[in-house]
Amino acid sequence: MSQNNKVFDGLGRVMNEAAGVADGLRREVETAVKSQGQRIVADMDLVKRADFDALRELVQVQSEEIDQLRKDIDALKSTRKAK
């Protein structure tokens, strides 16, 4: 009976070590894929979301200012024609 226990203990240790190796391999592959993905994104020269949002807000403000300036110009033109 003690021989069976030793076999099962040994088998249990081997299985635990195999699980540890598999987990380590999984983490290593995960890290490699993540770093490769980050490298690809960096090479694409993408804009950060915060920069995009700031630029979009600036464009909206300038668009409103341009619309107001166009209205002012049209108003000035109409007053010149009236004279």
Protein backbone atom coordinates (compact mmCIF):
# COMPACT_ATOMS: atom_id res chain seq x y z
CA MET A 1 0.00 0.00 0.00
CA SER A 2 2.82 2.42 0.79
CA GLN A 3 4.28 1.74 -2.67
CA ASN A 4 0.99 2.96 -4.23
CA ASN A 5 1.09 6.10 -2.09
CA LYS A 6 4.63 6.87 -3.24
CA VAL A 7 3.60 6.43 -6.86
CA PHE A 8 0.59 8.69 -6.44
CA ASP A 9 2.68 11.28 -4.53
CA GLY A 10 5.27 11.25 -7.31
CA LEU A 11 2.57 11.51 -9.96
CA GLY A 12 0.97 14.41 -8.07
CA ARG A 13 4.29 16.25 -7.88
CA VAL A 14 4.89 15.76 -11.61
CA MET A 15 1.41 17.05 -12.42
CA ASN A 16 1.90 20.11 -10.20
CA GLU A 17 5.22 20.88 -11.83
CA ALA A 18 3.68 20.45 -15.29
CA ALA A 19 0.87 22.83 -14.35
CA GLY A 20 3.43 25.37 -13.13
CA VAL A 21 5.42 25.10 -16.34
CA ALA A 22 2.25 25.48 -18.42
CA ASP A 23 1.23 28.56 -16.43
CA GLY A 24 4.68 30.08 -16.84
CA LEU A 25 4.59 29.41 -20.57
CA ARG A 26 1.14 30.98 -20.81
CA ARG A 27 2.36 34.13 -19.05
CA GLU A 28 5.44 34.32 -21.26
CA VAL A 29 3.40 33.99 -24.46
CA GLU A 30 0.91 36.55 -23.16
CA THR A 31 3.71 39.02 -22.45
CA ALA A 32 5.29 38.48 -25.87
CA VAL A 33 1.98 38.98 -27.69
CA LYS A 34 1.20 42.10 -25.65
CA SER A 35 4.60 43.69 -26.32
CA GLN A 36 4.35 42.86 -30.03
CA GLY A 37 0.90 44.45 -30.14
CA GLN A 38 2.20 47.57 -28.40
CA ARG A 39 5.07 47.75 -30.88
CA ILE A 40 2.65 47.52 -33.82
CA VAL A 41 0.42 50.24 -32.39
CA ALA A 42 3.45 52.48 -31.75
CA ASP A 43 4.60 52.01 -35.34
CA MET A 44 1.17 53.03 -36.63
CA ASP A 45 1.67 56.57 -35.24
CA LEU A 46 -1.87 56.72 -33.80
CA VAL A 47 -3.29 59.74 -32.00
CA LYS A 48 -4.08 59.45 -28.29
CA ARG A 49 -7.76 59.76 -27.36
CA ALA A 50 -7.16 62.80 -25.12
CA ASP A 51 -5.36 64.63 -27.95
CA PHE A 52 -8.16 63.77 -30.38
CA ASP A 53 -10.85 65.01 -27.97
CA ALA A 54 -8.95 68.26 -27.33
CA LEU A 55 -8.54 68.89 -31.06
CA ARG A 56 -12.21 68.09 -31.73
CA GLU A 57 -13.28 70.60 -29.08
CA LEU A 58 -10.97 73.24 -30.57
CA VAL A 59 -12.40 72.64 -34.05
CA GLN A 60 -15.97 72.97 -32.72
CA VAL A 61 -15.15 76.29 -31.05
CA GLN A 62 -13.44 77.60 -34.19
CA SER A 63 -16.35 76.43 -36.34
CA GLU A 64 -18.74 78.42 -34.16
CA GLU A 65 -16.47 81.46 -34.41
CA ILE A 66 -16.30 81.14 -38.21
CA ASP A 67 -20.09 80.89 -38.43
CA GLN A 68 -20.44 84.04 -36.31
CA LEU A 69 -17.87 85.89 -38.44
CA ARG A 70 -19.75 84.91 -41.60
CA LYS A 71 -22.96 86.28 -40.11
CA ASP A 72 -21.16 89.51 -39.17
CA ILE A 73 -19.76 89.84 -42.70
CA ASP A 74 -23.20 89.23 -44.24
CA ALA A 75 -24.68 91.84 -41.92
CA LEU A 76 -21.99 94.36 -42.91
CA LYS A 77 -22.57 93.64 -46.60
CA SER A 78 -26.29 94.13 -46.26
CA THR A 79 -25.84 97.47 -44.43
CA ARG A 80 -23.42 98.65 -47.17
CA LYS A 81 -25.93 97.77 -49.87
CA ALA A 82 -28.68 99.62 -48.00
CA LYS A 83 -26.67 102.87 -48.07
